[in-house]
Amino acid sequence: MAGSEVCRKCYVHPEVVNAYLEGTLAGELKESAEADLPVEFGQLDKGEAVVLAFLQRRLSMEGNR
């Protein structure tokens, strides 16, 4: 396995950790899964699209703080 594949499979974005520590991760991922995902997420599998939507929402909220 190439090094870049290991990094991609093992990386955890800090917002995932923050949401876990806040106790909101499961609920926020559920919201992302139930939301209409943007068309441009079509090339991603459902799990990847849910996580990307979650991260985009978290990061936009942080930018508004």
N, C-alpha and C. Protein backbone atom coordinates (compact mmCIF):
# COMPACT_ATOMS: atom_id res chain seq x y z
N MET A 1 0.85 -1.18 0.00
CA MET A 1 0.00 0.00 0.00
C MET A 1 0.89 1.23 0.00
N ALA A 2 0.62 2.16 -0.88
CA ALA A 2 1.40 3.39 -0.97
C ALA A 2 1.10 4.30 0.21
N GLY A 3 2.07 5.14 0.55
CA GLY A 3 1.93 6.04 1.68
C GLY A 3 0.74 6.96 1.58
N SER A 4 0.46 7.47 0.38
CA SER A 4 -0.66 8.39 0.23
C SER A 4 -2.00 7.69 0.49
N GLU A 5 -2.09 6.41 0.15
CA GLU A 5 -3.32 5.66 0.42
C GLU A 5 -3.53 5.49 1.92
N VAL A 6 -2.45 5.27 2.65
CA VAL A 6 -2.55 5.12 4.11
C VAL A 6 -3.02 6.43 4.72
N CYS A 7 -2.44 7.55 4.29
CA CYS A 7 -2.84 8.85 4.82
C CYS A 7 -4.31 9.12 4.55
N ARG A 8 -4.75 8.83 3.34
CA ARG A 8 -6.13 9.10 2.98
C ARG A 8 -7.09 8.24 3.81
N LYS A 9 -6.73 7.01 4.06
CA LYS A 9 -7.62 6.11 4.78
C LYS A 9 -7.59 6.33 6.28
N CYS A 10 -6.53 6.96 6.80
CA CYS A 10 -6.36 7.09 8.25
C CYS A 10 -6.58 8.50 8.77
N TYR A 11 -6.68 9.50 7.90
CA TYR A 11 -6.82 10.89 8.32
C TYR A 11 -8.19 11.12 8.93
N VAL A 12 -8.21 11.83 10.05
CA VAL A 12 -9.46 12.23 10.69
C VAL A 12 -9.43 13.75 10.79
N HIS A 13 -10.38 14.41 10.13
CA HIS A 13 -10.43 15.87 10.16
C HIS A 13 -10.69 16.33 11.59
N PRO A 14 -10.04 17.41 12.02
CA PRO A 14 -10.24 17.90 13.39
C PRO A 14 -11.70 18.20 13.74
N GLU A 15 -12.52 18.60 12.76
CA GLU A 15 -13.93 18.87 13.06
C GLU A 15 -14.70 17.60 13.42
N VAL A 16 -14.25 16.47 12.92
CA VAL A 16 -14.88 15.20 13.32
C VAL A 16 -14.58 14.95 14.80
N VAL A 17 -13.36 15.18 15.20
CA VAL A 17 -12.97 15.01 16.60
C VAL A 17 -13.71 16.03 17.47
N ASN A 18 -13.79 17.28 17.03
CA ASN A 18 -14.49 18.30 17.81
C ASN A 18 -15.96 17.94 18.02
N ALA A 19 -16.61 17.51 16.95
CA ALA A 19 -18.03 17.13 17.07
C ALA A 19 -18.19 15.94 18.00
N TYR A 20 -17.27 14.99 17.94
CA TYR A 20 -17.32 13.83 18.84
C TYR A 20 -17.20 14.29 20.29
N LEU A 21 -16.23 15.16 20.55
CA LEU A 21 -16.01 15.64 21.92
C LEU A 21 -17.18 16.48 22.43
N GLU A 22 -17.87 17.18 21.51
CA GLU A 22 -19.05 17.96 21.87
C GLU A 22 -20.28 17.08 22.06
N GLY A 23 -20.19 15.83 21.63
CA GLY A 23 -21.33 14.93 21.73
C GLY A 23 -22.36 15.12 20.63
N THR A 24 -21.96 15.78 19.53
CA THR A 24 -22.91 16.09 18.45
C THR A 24 -22.64 15.32 17.17
N LEU A 25 -21.59 14.52 17.12
CA LEU A 25 -21.18 13.88 15.89
C LEU A 25 -22.29 13.01 15.28
N ALA A 26 -22.87 12.13 16.05
CA ALA A 26 -23.88 11.22 15.51
C ALA A 26 -25.08 11.99 14.95
N GLY A 27 -25.55 12.97 15.69
CA GLY A 27 -26.70 13.76 15.24
C GLY A 27 -26.40 14.55 13.99
N GLU A 28 -25.20 15.14 13.94
CA GLU A 28 -24.83 15.94 12.76
C GLU A 28 -24.65 15.07 11.53
N LEU A 29 -24.07 13.88 11.70
CA LEU A 29 -23.93 12.98 10.56
C LEU A 29 -25.30 12.49 10.08
N LYS A 30 -26.20 12.26 11.04
CA LYS A 30 -27.56 11.84 10.67
C LYS A 30 -28.25 12.95 9.88
N GLU A 31 -28.09 14.21 10.30
CA GLU A 31 -28.67 15.33 9.57
C GLU A 31 -28.12 15.38 8.14
N SER A 32 -26.80 15.19 8.02
CA SER A 32 -26.17 15.20 6.69
C SER A 32 -26.71 14.08 5.82
N ALA A 33 -26.90 12.91 6.42
CA ALA A 33 -27.38 11.76 5.66
C ALA A 33 -28.80 11.96 5.18
N GLU A 34 -29.60 12.68 5.96
CA GLU A 34 -31.01 12.89 5.61
C GLU A 34 -31.22 14.09 4.70
N ALA A 35 -30.21 14.95 4.58
CA ALA A 35 -30.33 16.16 3.76
C ALA A 35 -30.17 15.81 2.28
N ASP A 36 -30.68 16.69 1.45
CA ASP A 36 -30.46 16.56 0.00
C ASP A 36 -29.02 16.96 -0.25
N LEU A 37 -28.23 16.02 -0.74
CA LEU A 37 -26.83 16.30 -1.00
C LEU A 37 -26.66 16.95 -2.35
N PRO A 38 -25.73 17.90 -2.46
CA PRO A 38 -25.52 18.58 -3.74
C PRO A 38 -25.19 17.61 -4.87
N VAL A 39 -25.60 17.97 -6.06
CA VAL A 39 -25.37 17.15 -7.25
C VAL A 39 -23.89 16.85 -7.45
N GLU A 40 -23.03 17.84 -7.15
CA GLU A 40 -21.60 17.64 -7.37
C GLU A 40 -21.01 16.55 -6.47
N PHE A 41 -21.75 16.10 -5.49
CA PHE A 41 -21.29 14.99 -4.65
C PHE A 41 -21.57 13.65 -5.31
N GLY A 42 -22.16 13.66 -6.49
CA GLY A 42 -22.58 12.44 -7.18
C GLY A 42 -21.48 11.44 -7.43
N GLN A 43 -20.24 11.90 -7.61
CA GLN A 43 -19.14 10.97 -7.87
C GLN A 43 -18.64 10.30 -6.59
N LEU A 44 -19.10 10.77 -5.44
CA LEU A 44 -18.71 10.17 -4.17
C LEU A 44 -19.71 9.10 -3.77
N ASP A 45 -19.25 8.13 -2.97
CA ASP A 45 -20.24 7.19 -2.44
C ASP A 45 -21.00 7.90 -1.32
N LYS A 46 -22.09 7.33 -0.88
CA LYS A 46 -22.99 7.98 0.08
C LYS A 46 -22.26 8.38 1.36
N GLY A 47 -21.43 7.50 1.89
CA GLY A 47 -20.70 7.80 3.13
C GLY A 47 -19.76 8.98 2.97
N GLU A 48 -19.05 9.02 1.85
CA GLU A 48 -18.14 10.14 1.60
C GLU A 48 -18.91 11.45 1.44
N ALA A 49 -20.03 11.39 0.76
CA ALA A 49 -20.85 12.59 0.55
C ALA A 49 -21.41 13.11 1.86
N VAL A 50 -21.82 12.22 2.74
CA VAL A 50 -22.35 12.61 4.05
C VAL A 50 -21.26 13.31 4.87
N VAL A 51 -20.07 12.74 4.89
CA VAL A 51 -18.98 13.33 5.66
C VAL A 51 -18.59 14.68 5.07
N LEU A 52 -18.54 14.78 3.75
CA LEU A 52 -18.19 16.06 3.12
C LEU A 52 -19.24 17.12 3.45
N ALA A 53 -20.52 16.78 3.39
CA ALA A 53 -21.58 17.73 3.74
C ALA A 53 -21.46 18.15 5.21
N PHE A 54 -21.18 17.21 6.08
CA PHE A 54 -20.97 17.49 7.50
C PHE A 54 -19.83 18.49 7.69
N LEU A 55 -18.70 18.23 7.03
CA LEU A 55 -17.54 19.11 7.17
C LEU A 55 -17.82 20.50 6.61
N GLN A 56 -18.48 20.57 5.48
CA GLN A 56 -18.79 21.87 4.91
C GLN A 56 -19.69 22.68 5.84
N ARG A 57 -20.68 22.02 6.44
CA ARG A 57 -21.57 22.71 7.37
C ARG A 57 -20.82 23.18 8.61
N ARG A 58 -19.98 22.30 9.17
CA ARG A 58 -19.21 22.66 10.37
C ARG A 58 -18.27 23.83 10.09
N LEU A 59 -17.58 23.77 8.97
CA LEU A 59 -16.61 24.81 8.66
C LEU A 59 -17.30 26.14 8.34
N SER A 60 -18.47 26.10 7.71
CA SER A 60 -19.19 27.35 7.45
C SER A 60 -19.72 27.94 8.75
N MET A 61 -20.12 27.09 9.68
CA MET A 61 -20.58 27.59 10.98
C MET A 61 -19.42 28.22 11.74
N GLU A 62 -18.24 27.62 11.66
CA GLU A 62 -17.08 28.14 12.35
C GLU A 62 -16.68 29.49 11.76
N GLY A 63 -16.83 29.64 10.45
CA GLY A 63 -16.52 30.90 9.80
C GLY A 63 -17.46 32.02 10.21
N ASN A 64 -18.66 31.65 10.67
CA ASN A 64 -19.65 32.63 11.12
C ASN A 64 -19.49 32.99 12.59
N ARG A 65 -18.60 32.32 13.28
CA ARG A 65 -18.42 32.61 14.72
C ARG A 65 -17.53 33.79 14.94
